N, C-alpha and C. Protein backbone atom coordinates (compact mmCIF):
# COMPACT_ATOMS: atom_id res chain seq x y z
N UNK A 1 -58.97 54.86 2.84
CA UNK A 1 -59.70 55.08 4.05
C UNK A 1 -60.53 56.35 3.97
N UNK A 2 -59.88 57.42 3.55
CA UNK A 2 -60.61 58.68 3.45
C UNK A 2 -61.72 58.62 2.41
N UNK A 3 -61.52 57.83 1.38
CA UNK A 3 -62.58 57.72 0.37
C UNK A 3 -63.83 57.06 0.96
N UNK A 4 -63.64 56.12 1.88
CA UNK A 4 -64.77 55.47 2.53
C UNK A 4 -65.48 56.45 3.46
N UNK A 5 -64.71 57.20 4.23
CA UNK A 5 -65.30 58.21 5.13
C UNK A 5 -66.03 59.27 4.32
N UNK A 6 -65.44 59.70 3.20
CA UNK A 6 -66.09 60.69 2.35
C UNK A 6 -67.43 60.17 1.83
N UNK A 7 -67.45 58.91 1.43
CA UNK A 7 -68.69 58.30 0.94
C UNK A 7 -69.74 58.24 2.04
N UNK A 8 -69.34 57.78 3.22
CA UNK A 8 -70.29 57.63 4.32
C UNK A 8 -70.81 58.96 4.86
N UNK A 9 -70.00 60.01 4.74
CA UNK A 9 -70.42 61.32 5.24
C UNK A 9 -70.98 62.20 4.13
N UNK A 10 -70.98 61.69 2.89
CA UNK A 10 -71.44 62.44 1.73
C UNK A 10 -70.70 63.77 1.63
N UNK A 11 -69.38 63.69 1.77
CA UNK A 11 -68.53 64.88 1.80
C UNK A 11 -67.54 64.82 0.64
N UNK A 12 -67.42 65.90 -0.14
CA UNK A 12 -66.46 65.90 -1.24
C UNK A 12 -65.27 66.82 -0.98
N UNK A 13 -65.21 67.41 0.19
CA UNK A 13 -64.09 68.28 0.56
C UNK A 13 -63.04 67.44 1.29
N UNK A 14 -61.85 67.32 0.69
CA UNK A 14 -60.79 66.48 1.25
C UNK A 14 -60.42 66.89 2.67
N UNK A 15 -60.26 68.18 2.92
CA UNK A 15 -59.85 68.65 4.25
C UNK A 15 -60.88 68.31 5.31
N UNK A 16 -62.15 68.52 4.99
CA UNK A 16 -63.21 68.20 5.95
C UNK A 16 -63.27 66.70 6.20
N UNK A 17 -63.09 65.91 5.16
CA UNK A 17 -63.09 64.45 5.32
C UNK A 17 -61.92 64.01 6.19
N UNK A 18 -60.73 64.54 5.91
CA UNK A 18 -59.54 64.19 6.69
C UNK A 18 -59.72 64.58 8.16
N UNK A 19 -60.24 65.78 8.40
CA UNK A 19 -60.45 66.22 9.78
C UNK A 19 -61.48 65.36 10.50
N UNK A 20 -62.54 64.97 9.78
CA UNK A 20 -63.55 64.10 10.39
C UNK A 20 -62.94 62.76 10.75
N UNK A 21 -62.11 62.18 9.86
CA UNK A 21 -61.48 60.90 10.15
C UNK A 21 -60.55 61.02 11.35
N UNK A 22 -59.79 62.11 11.45
CA UNK A 22 -58.90 62.30 12.60
C UNK A 22 -59.71 62.35 13.89
N UNK A 23 -60.84 63.07 13.86
CA UNK A 23 -61.72 63.16 15.03
C UNK A 23 -62.30 61.78 15.38
N UNK A 24 -62.83 61.08 14.37
CA UNK A 24 -63.45 59.78 14.61
C UNK A 24 -62.42 58.77 15.10
N UNK A 25 -61.24 58.77 14.52
CA UNK A 25 -60.18 57.84 14.92
C UNK A 25 -59.79 58.06 16.38
N UNK A 26 -59.64 59.32 16.79
CA UNK A 26 -59.31 59.63 18.19
C UNK A 26 -60.44 59.19 19.12
N UNK A 27 -61.68 59.43 18.71
CA UNK A 27 -62.85 59.03 19.52
C UNK A 27 -62.89 57.51 19.69
N UNK A 28 -62.69 56.77 18.60
CA UNK A 28 -62.73 55.31 18.66
C UNK A 28 -61.58 54.77 19.50
N UNK A 29 -60.42 55.38 19.38
CA UNK A 29 -59.27 54.94 20.16
C UNK A 29 -59.54 55.15 21.66
N UNK A 30 -60.13 56.30 21.99
CA UNK A 30 -60.45 56.62 23.39
C UNK A 30 -61.46 55.61 23.96
N UNK A 31 -62.38 55.14 23.11
CA UNK A 31 -63.41 54.19 23.53
C UNK A 31 -62.95 52.74 23.39
N UNK A 32 -61.66 52.53 23.04
CA UNK A 32 -61.07 51.20 22.86
C UNK A 32 -61.84 50.35 21.84
N UNK A 33 -62.30 51.00 20.77
CA UNK A 33 -62.99 50.30 19.70
C UNK A 33 -61.95 49.56 18.87
N UNK A 34 -62.22 48.32 18.52
CA UNK A 34 -61.30 47.44 17.81
C UNK A 34 -60.85 48.01 16.46
N UNK A 35 -61.66 48.82 15.84
CA UNK A 35 -61.36 49.36 14.53
C UNK A 35 -60.00 50.05 14.48
N UNK A 36 -59.67 50.84 15.49
CA UNK A 36 -58.43 51.59 15.47
C UNK A 36 -57.22 50.66 15.48
N UNK A 37 -57.30 49.56 16.21
CA UNK A 37 -56.17 48.62 16.23
C UNK A 37 -56.05 47.88 14.90
N UNK A 38 -57.14 47.84 14.12
CA UNK A 38 -57.12 47.16 12.82
C UNK A 38 -56.60 48.08 11.71
N UNK A 39 -56.41 49.36 12.03
CA UNK A 39 -55.94 50.32 11.04
C UNK A 39 -54.44 50.16 10.83
N UNK A 40 -54.03 50.05 9.57
CA UNK A 40 -52.63 49.94 9.20
C UNK A 40 -52.27 51.16 8.37
N UNK A 41 -51.05 51.65 8.53
CA UNK A 41 -50.62 52.78 7.72
C UNK A 41 -49.63 52.31 6.66
N UNK A 42 -49.89 52.70 5.43
CA UNK A 42 -49.01 52.40 4.30
C UNK A 42 -48.63 53.71 3.62
N UNK A 43 -47.49 53.73 2.96
CA UNK A 43 -47.08 54.93 2.24
C UNK A 43 -47.59 54.88 0.81
N UNK A 44 -48.27 55.96 0.42
CA UNK A 44 -48.77 56.11 -0.94
C UNK A 44 -48.29 57.42 -1.50
N UNK A 45 -48.20 57.48 -2.82
CA UNK A 45 -47.80 58.69 -3.49
C UNK A 45 -48.96 59.68 -3.48
N UNK A 46 -48.72 60.85 -2.92
CA UNK A 46 -49.74 61.89 -2.83
C UNK A 46 -49.73 62.73 -4.11
N UNK A 47 -50.78 63.50 -4.33
CA UNK A 47 -50.83 64.35 -5.53
C UNK A 47 -49.65 65.32 -5.65
N UNK A 48 -49.04 65.68 -4.52
CA UNK A 48 -47.90 66.60 -4.56
C UNK A 48 -46.58 65.88 -4.87
N UNK A 49 -46.64 64.57 -5.12
CA UNK A 49 -45.46 63.81 -5.49
C UNK A 49 -44.70 63.20 -4.32
N UNK A 50 -45.11 63.50 -3.10
CA UNK A 50 -44.44 62.96 -1.91
C UNK A 50 -45.15 61.70 -1.44
N UNK A 51 -44.41 60.82 -0.80
CA UNK A 51 -45.03 59.62 -0.22
C UNK A 51 -45.51 59.97 1.19
N UNK A 52 -46.76 59.65 1.46
CA UNK A 52 -47.37 59.97 2.76
C UNK A 52 -47.99 58.72 3.35
N UNK A 53 -48.00 58.65 4.70
CA UNK A 53 -48.66 57.54 5.39
C UNK A 53 -50.17 57.70 5.28
N UNK A 54 -50.84 56.63 4.91
CA UNK A 54 -52.29 56.63 4.73
C UNK A 54 -52.86 55.48 5.54
N UNK A 55 -53.97 55.73 6.25
CA UNK A 55 -54.64 54.67 7.00
C UNK A 55 -55.34 53.73 6.03
N UNK A 56 -55.19 52.44 6.27
CA UNK A 56 -55.80 51.41 5.44
C UNK A 56 -56.57 50.45 6.33
N UNK A 57 -57.64 49.88 5.80
CA UNK A 57 -58.43 48.87 6.51
C UNK A 57 -58.65 47.67 5.61
N UNK A 58 -58.76 46.51 6.23
CA UNK A 58 -59.16 45.33 5.46
C UNK A 58 -60.69 45.29 5.42
N UNK A 59 -61.24 44.25 4.82
CA UNK A 59 -62.69 44.14 4.67
C UNK A 59 -63.41 44.24 6.02
N UNK A 60 -62.90 43.51 7.02
CA UNK A 60 -63.52 43.53 8.36
C UNK A 60 -63.50 44.94 8.94
N UNK A 61 -62.39 45.64 8.75
CA UNK A 61 -62.28 47.01 9.25
C UNK A 61 -63.25 47.95 8.57
N UNK A 62 -63.46 47.76 7.27
CA UNK A 62 -64.41 48.59 6.54
C UNK A 62 -65.82 48.38 7.07
N UNK A 63 -66.18 47.14 7.34
CA UNK A 63 -67.50 46.84 7.90
C UNK A 63 -67.65 47.48 9.29
N UNK A 64 -66.61 47.37 10.12
CA UNK A 64 -66.65 47.98 11.45
C UNK A 64 -66.79 49.49 11.35
N UNK A 65 -66.07 50.10 10.41
CA UNK A 65 -66.18 51.55 10.21
C UNK A 65 -67.60 51.92 9.80
N UNK A 66 -68.17 51.16 8.88
CA UNK A 66 -69.53 51.43 8.44
C UNK A 66 -70.55 51.39 9.57
N UNK A 67 -70.31 50.56 10.57
CA UNK A 67 -71.22 50.46 11.71
C UNK A 67 -71.17 51.70 12.59
N UNK A 68 -70.14 52.53 12.44
CA UNK A 68 -70.05 53.78 13.18
C UNK A 68 -70.93 54.87 12.55
N UNK A 69 -71.51 54.58 11.40
CA UNK A 69 -72.39 55.50 10.69
C UNK A 69 -73.77 54.85 10.57
N UNK A 70 -74.55 54.85 11.66
CA UNK A 70 -75.80 54.10 11.67
C UNK A 70 -76.82 54.53 10.63
N UNK A 71 -76.77 55.76 10.17
CA UNK A 71 -77.76 56.23 9.21
C UNK A 71 -77.45 55.80 7.78
N UNK A 72 -76.33 55.12 7.57
CA UNK A 72 -75.89 54.80 6.20
C UNK A 72 -76.12 53.34 5.89
């Protein structure tokens, strides 16, 4: 999920990308946008060796997310 947001925002800083996704996710949830309900969390192994919950989207969710970035 963050890799898609990083691509759409042309951002290579992980922290900035993560913060932007948190902001966008809260905004979409507040606006009752379907994308947030389509987000699933799965546990993945992080670089620090711990398993962390990560937001995941299916193809439809990726398309919906892309529509939130009209300039892309």
